[in-house]
Amino acid sequence: MSYSLSQAANTLLFNLVMELKSGNIRRCEALGLEPEEMRMLRELSSDDLLYLSESKVSVLDVRIHHENLSLMLTQARREQKRLERIDRALALGASIEMMQTYFGLEASEVSARRRLEGIQTRKGRSSAPEEDKESALWQQWREAGMVSPESAEGLDVMMLMAEEQNVSLTTVWTRVKMWCRTNAAGAEEVA
């Protein structure tokens, strides 16, 4: 074990001693210390602690839990993609309501992220797209084969539509929801 890793492990041991001296034994038990070892550690003098913290010999074994590491890395990548999606949606003009629906963000979080990114928003409802743009949006939505805007894939399609047609994401979302409601109502009438 390298010297710096040994020192890090011994620093953890020092922290465990402080926990013991404060009467908190749960963390020590979780790491596998025996009751007798805990008593011995609790009785260490400050000189003993100094010696342990500077020792090149480690009393702890540090190992990597490969399955947990893999899960954590996967989760980190997933979270990074989520944050990229959030930033992209905000840059494309997603409303607070939309950010709450897709990402569970509170209004204050949305506002803070907008300020950090320097995104200006206009007050009021989003305007309806021009007729030719609405037609192009409808065509794109149909060609994507999406049934509902409520999935992550639906959001991705709508973001692409907003980028390609140069309209706000909220406008696209509003139109898509309207089309989906109209289609659902039409399907109920046929049945």
N, C-alpha and C. Protein backbone atom coordinates (compact mmCIF):
# COMPACT_ATOMS: atom_id res chain seq x y z
N MET A 1 0.85 -1.18 0.00
CA MET A 1 0.00 0.00 0.00
C MET A 1 0.90 1.23 0.00
N SER A 2 0.54 2.22 -0.82
CA SER A 2 1.35 3.43 -0.88
C SER A 2 1.23 4.22 0.42
N TYR A 3 2.22 5.10 0.63
CA TYR A 3 2.26 5.89 1.86
C TYR A 3 1.02 6.78 1.98
N SER A 4 0.62 7.45 0.87
CA SER A 4 -0.52 8.36 0.95
C SER A 4 -1.81 7.59 1.22
N LEU A 5 -1.95 6.40 0.63
CA LEU A 5 -3.12 5.58 0.89
C LEU A 5 -3.13 5.09 2.33
N SER A 6 -1.95 4.74 2.83
CA SER A 6 -1.81 4.33 4.22
C SER A 6 -2.21 5.47 5.16
N GLN A 7 -1.78 6.68 4.83
CA GLN A 7 -2.15 7.84 5.66
C GLN A 7 -3.66 8.08 5.62
N ALA A 8 -4.26 7.92 4.44
CA ALA A 8 -5.71 8.12 4.32
C ALA A 8 -6.45 7.09 5.17
N ALA A 9 -6.00 5.84 5.13
CA ALA A 9 -6.62 4.80 5.94
C ALA A 9 -6.44 5.10 7.42
N ASN A 10 -5.27 5.57 7.80
CA ASN A 10 -5.02 5.89 9.21
C ASN A 10 -5.82 7.12 9.65
N THR A 11 -6.07 8.04 8.73
CA THR A 11 -6.93 9.18 9.05
C THR A 11 -8.34 8.70 9.35
N LEU A 12 -8.81 7.72 8.58
CA LEU A 12 -10.11 7.13 8.86
C LEU A 12 -10.11 6.50 10.25
N LEU A 13 -9.06 5.80 10.58
CA LEU A 13 -8.93 5.20 11.91
C LEU A 13 -8.99 6.28 12.99
N PHE A 14 -8.30 7.38 12.76
CA PHE A 14 -8.31 8.51 13.71
C PHE A 14 -9.75 9.02 13.89
N ASN A 15 -10.48 9.14 12.78
CA ASN A 15 -11.88 9.59 12.86
C ASN A 15 -12.73 8.60 13.66
N LEU A 16 -12.45 7.32 13.48
CA LEU A 16 -13.18 6.31 14.25
C LEU A 16 -12.90 6.45 15.75
N VAL A 17 -11.66 6.75 16.08
CA VAL A 17 -11.31 6.97 17.49
C VAL A 17 -12.11 8.15 18.05
N MET A 18 -12.21 9.21 17.27
CA MET A 18 -12.98 10.38 17.72
C MET A 18 -14.46 10.01 17.90
N GLU A 19 -14.99 9.18 17.00
CA GLU A 19 -16.37 8.71 17.14
C GLU A 19 -16.53 7.93 18.46
N LEU A 20 -15.58 7.05 18.72
CA LEU A 20 -15.63 6.25 19.95
C LEU A 20 -15.57 7.13 21.19
N LYS A 21 -14.68 8.11 21.17
CA LYS A 21 -14.54 9.00 22.33
C LYS A 21 -15.82 9.82 22.55
N SER A 22 -16.60 10.01 21.46
CA SER A 22 -17.88 10.73 21.57
C SER A 22 -19.02 9.78 21.93
N GLY A 23 -18.72 8.48 21.99
CA GLY A 23 -19.75 7.52 22.35
C GLY A 23 -20.51 6.95 21.16
N ASN A 24 -20.09 7.25 19.94
CA ASN A 24 -20.76 6.74 18.74
C ASN A 24 -20.04 5.49 18.25
N ILE A 25 -20.65 4.34 18.52
CA ILE A 25 -19.96 3.09 18.16
C ILE A 25 -20.50 2.45 16.88
N ARG A 26 -21.60 2.92 16.36
CA ARG A 26 -22.23 2.29 15.20
C ARG A 26 -21.31 2.23 13.98
N ARG A 27 -20.63 3.31 13.69
CA ARG A 27 -19.74 3.34 12.53
C ARG A 27 -18.60 2.34 12.70
N CYS A 28 -18.08 2.25 13.90
CA CYS A 28 -16.99 1.30 14.19
C CYS A 28 -17.49 -0.14 14.04
N GLU A 29 -18.69 -0.40 14.54
CA GLU A 29 -19.26 -1.74 14.40
C GLU A 29 -19.48 -2.07 12.93
N ALA A 30 -19.95 -1.09 12.17
CA ALA A 30 -20.21 -1.30 10.74
C ALA A 30 -18.93 -1.65 9.99
N LEU A 31 -17.80 -1.12 10.44
CA LEU A 31 -16.52 -1.42 9.79
C LEU A 31 -15.88 -2.71 10.32
N GLY A 32 -16.52 -3.35 11.29
CA GLY A 32 -16.04 -4.64 11.76
C GLY A 32 -15.13 -4.63 12.96
N LEU A 33 -15.04 -3.52 13.67
CA LEU A 33 -14.20 -3.50 14.87
C LEU A 33 -14.86 -4.33 15.97
N GLU A 34 -14.05 -5.11 16.65
CA GLU A 34 -14.51 -5.93 17.77
C GLU A 34 -14.63 -5.04 19.01
N PRO A 35 -15.47 -5.43 19.98
CA PRO A 35 -15.62 -4.62 21.21
C PRO A 35 -14.29 -4.37 21.93
N GLU A 36 -13.44 -5.38 21.98
CA GLU A 36 -12.14 -5.20 22.65
C GLU A 36 -11.28 -4.18 21.90
N GLU A 37 -11.31 -4.21 20.57
CA GLU A 37 -10.55 -3.25 19.77
C GLU A 37 -11.08 -1.83 20.00
N MET A 38 -12.39 -1.71 20.09
CA MET A 38 -12.98 -0.39 20.34
C MET A 38 -12.55 0.15 21.71
N ARG A 39 -12.51 -0.71 22.72
CA ARG A 39 -12.06 -0.27 24.04
C ARG A 39 -10.61 0.20 23.98
N MET A 40 -9.76 -0.57 23.29
CA MET A 40 -8.35 -0.20 23.18
C MET A 40 -8.19 1.14 22.45
N LEU A 41 -8.94 1.33 21.38
CA LEU A 41 -8.85 2.59 20.62
C LEU A 41 -9.33 3.77 21.46
N ARG A 42 -10.40 3.55 22.21
CA ARG A 42 -10.95 4.63 23.03
C ARG A 42 -9.97 5.09 24.11
N GLU A 43 -9.09 4.20 24.53
CA GLU A 43 -8.15 4.51 25.61
C GLU A 43 -6.82 5.06 25.11
N LEU A 44 -6.67 5.28 23.80
CA LEU A 44 -5.41 5.79 23.26
C LEU A 44 -5.13 7.21 23.76
N SER A 45 -3.87 7.48 24.01
CA SER A 45 -3.46 8.84 24.39
C SER A 45 -3.26 9.67 23.13
N SER A 46 -3.08 10.97 23.29
CA SER A 46 -2.84 11.84 22.13
C SER A 46 -1.53 11.47 21.44
N ASP A 47 -0.52 11.05 22.19
CA ASP A 47 0.75 10.61 21.58
C ASP A 47 0.53 9.35 20.75
N ASP A 48 -0.29 8.43 21.28
CA ASP A 48 -0.59 7.21 20.53
C ASP A 48 -1.29 7.55 19.21
N LEU A 49 -2.23 8.48 19.29
CA LEU A 49 -2.97 8.90 18.08
C LEU A 49 -2.05 9.54 17.06
N LEU A 50 -1.14 10.38 17.52
CA LEU A 50 -0.18 11.01 16.62
C LEU A 50 0.67 9.95 15.93
N TYR A 51 1.14 8.99 16.70
CA TYR A 51 1.96 7.92 16.14
C TYR A 51 1.17 7.16 15.06
N LEU A 52 -0.08 6.80 15.37
CA LEU A 52 -0.90 6.06 14.41
C LEU A 52 -1.15 6.86 13.13
N SER A 53 -1.42 8.15 13.29
CA SER A 53 -1.74 8.96 12.11
C SER A 53 -0.54 9.16 11.19
N GLU A 54 0.67 9.10 11.74
CA GLU A 54 1.87 9.30 10.93
C GLU A 54 2.53 8.00 10.50
N SER A 55 2.00 6.90 10.95
CA SER A 55 2.59 5.60 10.64
C SER A 55 2.47 5.27 9.16
N LYS A 56 3.50 4.62 8.62
CA LYS A 56 3.48 4.17 7.23
C LYS A 56 2.81 2.81 7.11
N VAL A 57 2.56 2.20 8.25
CA VAL A 57 1.90 0.90 8.27
C VAL A 57 0.41 1.13 8.47
N SER A 58 -0.38 0.50 7.62
CA SER A 58 -1.82 0.68 7.74
C SER A 58 -2.44 -0.50 8.47
N VAL A 59 -3.41 -0.20 9.29
CA VAL A 59 -4.14 -1.26 9.99
C VAL A 59 -5.48 -1.52 9.30
N LEU A 60 -5.74 -0.78 8.25
CA LEU A 60 -6.97 -0.96 7.50
C LEU A 60 -6.65 -1.51 6.12
N ASP A 61 -7.56 -2.30 5.61
CA ASP A 61 -7.41 -2.85 4.27
C ASP A 61 -8.38 -2.10 3.36
N VAL A 62 -7.86 -1.46 2.34
CA VAL A 62 -8.70 -0.70 1.42
C VAL A 62 -8.86 -1.51 0.14
N ARG A 63 -10.11 -1.78 -0.22
CA ARG A 63 -10.40 -2.53 -1.44
C ARG A 63 -11.48 -1.81 -2.23
N ILE A 64 -11.50 -2.07 -3.50
CA ILE A 64 -12.53 -1.50 -4.36
C ILE A 64 -13.65 -2.52 -4.51
N HIS A 65 -14.85 -2.07 -4.27
CA HIS A 65 -16.03 -2.91 -4.49
C HIS A 65 -16.44 -2.66 -5.94
N HIS A 66 -16.03 -3.56 -6.82
CA HIS A 66 -16.16 -3.35 -8.26
C HIS A 66 -17.61 -3.19 -8.72
N GLU A 67 -18.51 -3.97 -8.16
CA GLU A 67 -19.91 -3.87 -8.56
C GLU A 67 -20.48 -2.50 -8.19
N ASN A 68 -20.20 -2.05 -6.97
CA ASN A 68 -20.68 -0.72 -6.56
C ASN A 68 -20.05 0.38 -7.39
N LEU A 69 -18.76 0.26 -7.70
CA LEU A 69 -18.09 1.25 -8.53
C LEU A 69 -18.75 1.33 -9.90
N SER A 70 -19.03 0.18 -10.48
CA SER A 70 -19.69 0.14 -11.79
C SER A 70 -21.07 0.80 -11.73
N LEU A 71 -21.83 0.48 -10.69
CA LEU A 71 -23.16 1.08 -10.52
C LEU A 71 -23.07 2.59 -10.34
N MET A 72 -22.10 3.04 -9.56
CA MET A 72 -21.93 4.48 -9.33
C MET A 72 -21.53 5.21 -10.61
N LEU A 73 -20.65 4.60 -11.40
CA LEU A 73 -20.23 5.22 -12.66
C LEU A 73 -21.40 5.28 -13.64
N THR A 74 -22.19 4.23 -13.69
CA THR A 74 -23.38 4.22 -14.55
C THR A 74 -24.35 5.31 -14.12
N GLN A 75 -24.57 5.42 -12.81
CA GLN A 75 -25.47 6.45 -12.29
C GLN A 75 -24.93 7.85 -12.58
N ALA A 76 -23.62 8.03 -12.46
CA ALA A 76 -23.00 9.33 -12.74
C ALA A 76 -23.21 9.72 -14.20
N ARG A 77 -23.04 8.75 -15.11
CA ARG A 77 -23.27 9.02 -16.55
C ARG A 77 -24.73 9.37 -16.81
N ARG A 78 -25.64 8.63 -16.16
CA ARG A 78 -27.07 8.88 -16.32
C ARG A 78 -27.42 10.29 -15.83
N GLU A 79 -26.85 10.66 -14.69
CA GLU A 79 -27.11 11.99 -14.13
C GLU A 79 -26.53 13.08 -15.02
N GLN A 80 -25.36 12.83 -15.60
CA GLN A 80 -24.75 13.80 -16.51
C GLN A 80 -25.64 14.02 -17.73
N LYS A 81 -26.19 12.93 -18.28
CA LYS A 81 -27.10 13.05 -19.43
C LYS A 81 -28.36 13.82 -19.04
N ARG A 82 -28.86 13.56 -17.83
CA ARG A 82 -30.05 14.27 -17.35
C ARG A 82 -29.77 15.77 -17.26
N LEU A 83 -28.60 16.13 -16.71
CA LEU A 83 -28.24 17.55 -16.58
C LEU A 83 -28.07 18.20 -17.95
N GLU A 84 -27.50 17.47 -18.89
CA GLU A 84 -27.35 18.00 -20.25
C GLU A 84 -28.72 18.23 -20.88
N ARG A 85 -29.64 17.29 -20.64
CA ARG A 85 -31.01 17.44 -21.15
C ARG A 85 -31.69 18.65 -20.54
N ILE A 86 -31.50 18.84 -19.24
CA ILE A 86 -32.09 20.00 -18.56
C ILE A 86 -31.57 21.28 -19.18
N ASP A 87 -30.27 21.38 -19.34
CA ASP A 87 -29.67 22.59 -19.92
C ASP A 87 -30.17 22.82 -21.35
N ARG A 88 -30.26 21.74 -22.12
CA ARG A 88 -30.73 21.87 -23.51
C ARG A 88 -32.19 22.33 -23.53
N ALA A 89 -33.03 21.73 -22.68
CA ALA A 89 -34.44 22.12 -22.63
C ALA A 89 -34.59 23.59 -22.24
N LEU A 90 -33.83 24.03 -21.26
CA LEU A 90 -33.90 25.44 -20.85
C LEU A 90 -33.44 26.36 -21.97
N ALA A 91 -32.37 25.99 -22.64
CA ALA A 91 -31.85 26.81 -23.74
C ALA A 91 -32.86 26.91 -24.88
N LEU A 92 -33.70 25.87 -25.03
CA LEU A 92 -34.70 25.87 -26.09
C LEU A 92 -36.01 26.53 -25.67
N GLY A 93 -36.06 27.05 -24.45
CA GLY A 93 -37.24 27.80 -24.01
C GLY A 93 -38.29 26.98 -23.28
N ALA A 94 -37.89 25.96 -22.56
CA ALA A 94 -38.85 25.17 -21.78
C ALA A 94 -39.40 26.02 -20.63
N SER A 95 -40.69 25.89 -20.41
CA SER A 95 -41.35 26.63 -19.33
C SER A 95 -41.09 25.94 -17.98
N ILE A 96 -41.43 26.66 -16.92
CA ILE A 96 -41.30 26.08 -15.58
C ILE A 96 -42.19 24.85 -15.46
N GLU A 97 -43.40 24.94 -15.98
CA GLU A 97 -44.32 23.80 -15.93
C GLU A 97 -43.72 22.58 -16.64
N MET A 98 -43.11 22.82 -17.77
CA MET A 98 -42.50 21.73 -18.53
C MET A 98 -41.32 21.12 -17.76
N MET A 99 -40.52 21.97 -17.13
CA MET A 99 -39.37 21.48 -16.36
C MET A 99 -39.83 20.69 -15.14
N GLN A 100 -40.97 21.09 -14.57
CA GLN A 100 -41.53 20.33 -13.45
C GLN A 100 -42.03 18.97 -13.93
N THR A 101 -42.69 18.96 -15.08
CA THR A 101 -43.25 17.73 -15.63
C THR A 101 -42.18 16.71 -15.98
N TYR A 102 -41.15 17.13 -16.68
CA TYR A 102 -40.14 16.19 -17.18
C TYR A 102 -39.00 15.91 -16.21
N PHE A 103 -38.67 16.88 -15.38
CA PHE A 103 -37.49 16.73 -14.53
C PHE A 103 -37.77 16.87 -13.04
N GLY A 104 -39.01 17.23 -12.68
CA GLY A 104 -39.34 17.38 -11.28
C GLY A 104 -38.70 18.59 -10.61
N LEU A 105 -38.30 19.58 -11.41
CA LEU A 105 -37.63 20.76 -10.86
C LEU A 105 -38.65 21.76 -10.33
N GLU A 106 -38.32 22.37 -9.22
CA GLU A 106 -39.15 23.43 -8.66
C GLU A 106 -38.89 24.73 -9.42
N ALA A 107 -39.81 25.66 -9.30
CA ALA A 107 -39.69 26.94 -10.00
C ALA A 107 -38.39 27.66 -9.63
N SER A 108 -38.02 27.61 -8.35
CA SER A 108 -36.80 28.28 -7.92
C SER A 108 -35.55 27.65 -8.55
N GLU A 109 -35.56 26.32 -8.71
CA GLU A 109 -34.43 25.64 -9.35
C GLU A 109 -34.32 26.04 -10.82
N VAL A 110 -35.48 26.10 -11.49
CA VAL A 110 -35.50 26.48 -12.90
C VAL A 110 -34.98 27.90 -13.06
N SER A 111 -35.45 28.79 -12.22
CA SER A 111 -35.01 30.19 -12.28
C SER A 111 -33.52 30.32 -12.02
N ALA A 112 -33.02 29.58 -11.04
CA ALA A 112 -31.59 29.64 -10.72
C ALA A 112 -30.76 29.12 -11.89
N ARG A 113 -31.18 28.02 -12.49
CA ARG A 113 -30.43 27.47 -13.63
C ARG A 113 -30.45 28.44 -14.81
N ARG A 114 -31.60 29.08 -15.02
CA ARG A 114 -31.67 30.07 -16.12
C ARG A 114 -30.71 31.22 -15.87
N ARG A 115 -30.68 31.71 -14.63
CA ARG A 115 -29.76 32.81 -14.31
C ARG A 115 -28.31 32.39 -14.53
N LEU A 116 -27.96 31.20 -14.07
CA LEU A 116 -26.59 30.71 -14.25
C LEU A 116 -26.19 30.60 -15.71
N GLU A 117 -27.15 30.21 -16.55
CA GLU A 117 -26.88 30.04 -17.98
C GLU A 117 -27.08 31.34 -18.77
N GLY A 118 -27.59 32.37 -18.11
CA GLY A 118 -27.83 33.64 -18.79
C GLY A 118 -29.00 33.58 -19.76
N ILE A 119 -29.99 32.75 -19.45
CA ILE A 119 -31.14 32.57 -20.33
C ILE A 119 -32.22 33.57 -19.94
N GLN A 120 -32.61 34.40 -20.89
CA GLN A 120 -33.68 35.37 -20.69
C GLN A 120 -35.00 34.75 -21.13
N THR A 121 -36.06 35.01 -20.37
CA THR A 121 -37.38 34.51 -20.76
C THR A 121 -38.33 35.68 -20.88
N ARG A 122 -39.33 35.48 -21.70
CA ARG A 122 -40.33 36.54 -21.80
C ARG A 122 -41.54 36.13 -20.98
N LYS A 123 -42.24 37.11 -20.47
CA LYS A 123 -43.40 36.87 -19.61
C LYS A 123 -44.60 36.47 -20.47
N GLY A 124 -45.52 35.74 -19.84
CA GLY A 124 -46.76 35.39 -20.51
C GLY A 124 -46.70 34.06 -21.24
N ARG A 125 -47.77 33.78 -21.94
CA ARG A 125 -47.89 32.52 -22.67
C ARG A 125 -47.01 32.53 -23.91
N SER A 126 -46.65 31.33 -24.33
CA SER A 126 -45.87 31.24 -25.57
C SER A 126 -46.80 31.48 -26.75
N SER A 127 -46.27 32.08 -27.78
CA SER A 127 -47.09 32.40 -28.94
C SER A 127 -47.23 31.17 -29.83
N ALA A 128 -48.33 31.13 -30.56
CA ALA A 128 -48.56 30.03 -31.50
C ALA A 128 -47.61 30.19 -32.68
N PRO A 129 -47.12 29.08 -33.20
CA PRO A 129 -46.21 29.17 -34.35
C PRO A 129 -46.97 29.58 -35.61
N GLU A 130 -46.24 30.10 -36.56
CA GLU A 130 -46.85 30.45 -37.84
C GLU A 130 -47.37 29.16 -38.48
N GLU A 131 -48.33 29.32 -39.39
CA GLU A 131 -49.01 28.16 -39.98
C GLU A 131 -48.04 27.19 -40.64
N ASP A 132 -47.07 27.71 -41.40
CA ASP A 132 -46.12 26.82 -42.08
C ASP A 132 -45.24 26.07 -41.08
N LYS A 133 -44.87 26.74 -39.99
CA LYS A 133 -44.05 26.07 -38.96
C LYS A 133 -44.88 25.03 -38.22
N GLU A 134 -46.13 25.36 -37.94
CA GLU A 134 -46.98 24.39 -37.26
C GLU A 134 -47.17 23.14 -38.12
N SER A 135 -47.33 23.35 -39.41
CA SER A 135 -47.46 22.22 -40.33
C SER A 135 -46.19 21.37 -40.34
N ALA A 136 -45.04 22.03 -40.36
CA ALA A 136 -43.76 21.31 -40.34
C ALA A 136 -43.58 20.56 -39.01
N LEU A 137 -43.99 21.19 -37.92
CA LEU A 137 -43.90 20.54 -36.61
C LEU A 137 -44.78 19.28 -36.58
N TRP A 138 -46.01 19.41 -37.06
CA TRP A 138 -46.93 18.27 -37.09
C TRP A 138 -46.35 17.13 -37.92
N GLN A 139 -45.77 17.48 -39.06
CA GLN A 139 -45.17 16.48 -39.94
C GLN A 139 -44.02 15.76 -39.21
N GLN A 140 -43.16 16.52 -38.54
CA GLN A 140 -42.04 15.91 -37.80
C GLN A 140 -42.54 14.99 -36.70
N TRP A 141 -43.56 15.42 -35.98
CA TRP A 141 -44.09 14.61 -34.89
C TRP A 141 -44.66 13.29 -35.43
N ARG A 142 -45.41 13.38 -36.51
CA ARG A 142 -45.98 12.16 -37.12
C ARG A 142 -44.89 11.23 -37.62
N GLU A 143 -43.88 11.81 -38.29
CA GLU A 143 -42.79 10.99 -38.83
C GLU A 143 -41.99 10.31 -37.73
N ALA A 144 -41.93 10.92 -36.57
CA ALA A 144 -41.20 10.33 -35.44
C ALA A 144 -41.95 9.12 -34.87
N GLY A 145 -43.24 9.02 -35.19
CA GLY A 145 -44.03 7.89 -34.74
C GLY A 145 -44.35 7.90 -33.25
N MET A 146 -44.29 9.06 -32.66
CA MET A 146 -44.56 9.18 -31.22
C MET A 146 -46.07 9.22 -30.98
N VAL A 147 -46.50 8.57 -29.91
CA VAL A 147 -47.91 8.55 -29.54
C VAL A 147 -48.19 9.60 -28.48
N SER A 148 -47.22 9.78 -27.58
CA SER A 148 -47.40 10.69 -26.45
C SER A 148 -46.12 11.49 -26.21
N PRO A 149 -46.27 12.72 -25.75
CA PRO A 149 -45.07 13.52 -25.46
C PRO A 149 -44.49 13.25 -24.07
N GLU A 150 -45.08 12.32 -23.33
CA GLU A 150 -44.75 12.18 -21.92
C GLU A 150 -43.55 11.29 -21.61
N SER A 151 -42.86 10.82 -22.62
CA SER A 151 -41.68 9.98 -22.38
C SER A 151 -40.40 10.78 -22.63
N ALA A 152 -39.28 10.21 -22.21
CA ALA A 152 -37.98 10.85 -22.47
C ALA A 152 -37.74 10.93 -23.97
N GLU A 153 -38.16 9.90 -24.70
CA GLU A 153 -38.00 9.90 -26.15
C GLU A 153 -38.86 11.00 -26.78
N GLY A 154 -40.07 11.16 -26.24
CA GLY A 154 -40.95 12.23 -26.73
C GLY A 154 -40.32 13.60 -26.51
N LEU A 155 -39.70 13.78 -25.35
CA LEU A 155 -39.02 15.04 -25.07
C LEU A 155 -37.88 15.27 -26.06
N ASP A 156 -37.11 14.22 -26.33
CA ASP A 156 -36.00 14.35 -27.28
C ASP A 156 -36.49 14.75 -28.66
N VAL A 157 -37.59 14.14 -29.10
CA VAL A 157 -38.17 14.49 -30.41
C VAL A 157 -38.62 15.94 -30.41
N MET A 158 -39.28 16.37 -29.34
CA MET A 158 -39.75 17.76 -29.27
C MET A 158 -38.59 18.74 -29.25
N MET A 159 -37.49 18.40 -28.56
CA MET A 159 -36.33 19.30 -28.54
C MET A 159 -35.73 19.42 -29.94
N LEU A 160 -35.67 18.31 -30.65
CA LEU A 160 -35.16 18.34 -32.02
C LEU A 160 -36.07 19.19 -32.91
N MET A 161 -37.37 19.05 -32.73
CA MET A 161 -38.33 19.85 -33.49
C MET A 161 -38.13 21.34 -33.21
N ALA A 162 -37.97 21.69 -31.94
CA ALA A 162 -37.78 23.10 -31.56
C ALA A 162 -36.51 23.65 -32.20
N GLU A 163 -35.45 22.85 -32.20
CA GLU A 163 -34.18 23.30 -32.80
C GLU A 163 -34.33 23.48 -34.31
N GLU A 164 -34.90 22.49 -34.97
CA GLU A 164 -34.99 22.53 -36.43
C GLU A 164 -35.96 23.59 -36.94
N GLN A 165 -37.03 23.84 -36.21
CA GLN A 165 -38.03 24.82 -36.66
C GLN A 165 -37.83 26.20 -36.03
N ASN A 166 -36.84 26.30 -35.14
CA ASN A 166 -36.52 27.57 -34.49
C ASN A 166 -37.73 28.18 -33.77
N VAL A 167 -38.39 27.34 -32.96
CA VAL A 167 -39.49 27.80 -32.11
C VAL A 167 -39.18 27.33 -30.69
N SER A 168 -39.84 27.93 -29.72
CA SER A 168 -39.55 27.55 -28.33
C SER A 168 -40.06 26.14 -28.04
N LEU A 169 -39.38 25.48 -27.15
CA LEU A 169 -39.76 24.13 -26.77
C LEU A 169 -41.14 24.11 -26.13
N THR A 170 -41.46 25.14 -25.38
CA THR A 170 -42.79 25.21 -24.76
C THR A 170 -43.88 25.28 -25.83
N THR A 171 -43.63 26.02 -26.90
CA THR A 171 -44.59 26.10 -28.00
C THR A 171 -44.78 24.72 -28.62
N VAL A 172 -43.69 24.02 -28.85
CA VAL A 172 -43.77 22.67 -29.43
C VAL A 172 -44.56 21.76 -28.50
N TRP A 173 -44.24 21.80 -27.22
CA TRP A 173 -44.90 20.95 -26.23
C TRP A 173 -46.40 21.23 -26.20
N THR A 174 -46.77 22.51 -26.21
CA THR A 174 -48.18 22.90 -26.18
C THR A 174 -48.91 22.33 -27.39
N ARG A 175 -48.30 22.46 -28.57
CA ARG A 175 -48.92 21.95 -29.80
C ARG A 175 -49.04 20.43 -29.76
N VAL A 176 -47.98 19.77 -29.37
CA VAL A 176 -47.98 18.30 -29.35
C VAL A 176 -49.05 17.79 -28.38
N LYS A 177 -49.16 18.39 -27.21
CA LYS A 177 -50.19 17.97 -26.25
C LYS A 177 -51.58 18.15 -26.86
N MET A 178 -51.78 19.27 -27.55
CA MET A 178 -53.07 19.53 -28.19
C MET A 178 -53.37 18.47 -29.24
N TRP A 179 -52.37 18.15 -30.09
CA TRP A 179 -52.57 17.13 -31.13
C TRP A 179 -52.89 15.78 -30.51
N CYS A 180 -52.20 15.43 -29.45
CA CYS A 180 -52.41 14.14 -28.80
C CYS A 180 -53.80 14.06 -28.17
N ARG A 181 -54.26 15.16 -27.56
CA ARG A 181 -55.62 15.19 -27.00
C ARG A 181 -56.65 15.06 -28.12
N THR A 182 -56.43 15.77 -29.22
CA THR A 182 -57.35 15.72 -30.36
C THR A 182 -57.41 14.31 -30.92
N ASN A 183 -56.25 13.67 -31.08
CA ASN A 183 -56.21 12.31 -31.60
C ASN A 183 -56.89 11.33 -30.65
N ALA A 184 -56.68 11.51 -29.35
CA ALA A 184 -57.31 10.63 -28.36
C ALA A 184 -58.82 10.80 -28.37
N ALA A 185 -59.29 12.04 -28.50
CA ALA A 185 -60.73 12.31 -28.55
C ALA A 185 -61.33 11.70 -29.82
N GLY A 186 -60.61 11.81 -30.94
CA GLY A 186 -61.07 11.23 -32.20
C GLY A 186 -61.14 9.72 -32.13
N ALA A 187 -60.19 9.11 -31.46
CA ALA A 187 -60.17 7.65 -31.32
C ALA A 187 -61.33 7.18 -30.45
N GLU A 188 -61.70 7.96 -29.43
CA GLU A 188 -62.82 7.60 -28.56
C GLU A 188 -64.14 7.68 -29.32
N GLU A 189 -64.27 8.68 -30.21
CA GLU A 189 -65.49 8.83 -31.00
C GLU A 189 -65.67 7.66 -31.95
N VAL A 190 -64.56 7.17 -32.53
CA VAL A 190 -64.62 6.05 -33.46
C VAL A 190 -65.03 4.78 -32.72
N ALA A 191 -64.53 4.62 -31.49
CA ALA A 191 -64.84 3.41 -30.71
C ALA A 191 -66.24 3.49 -30.20
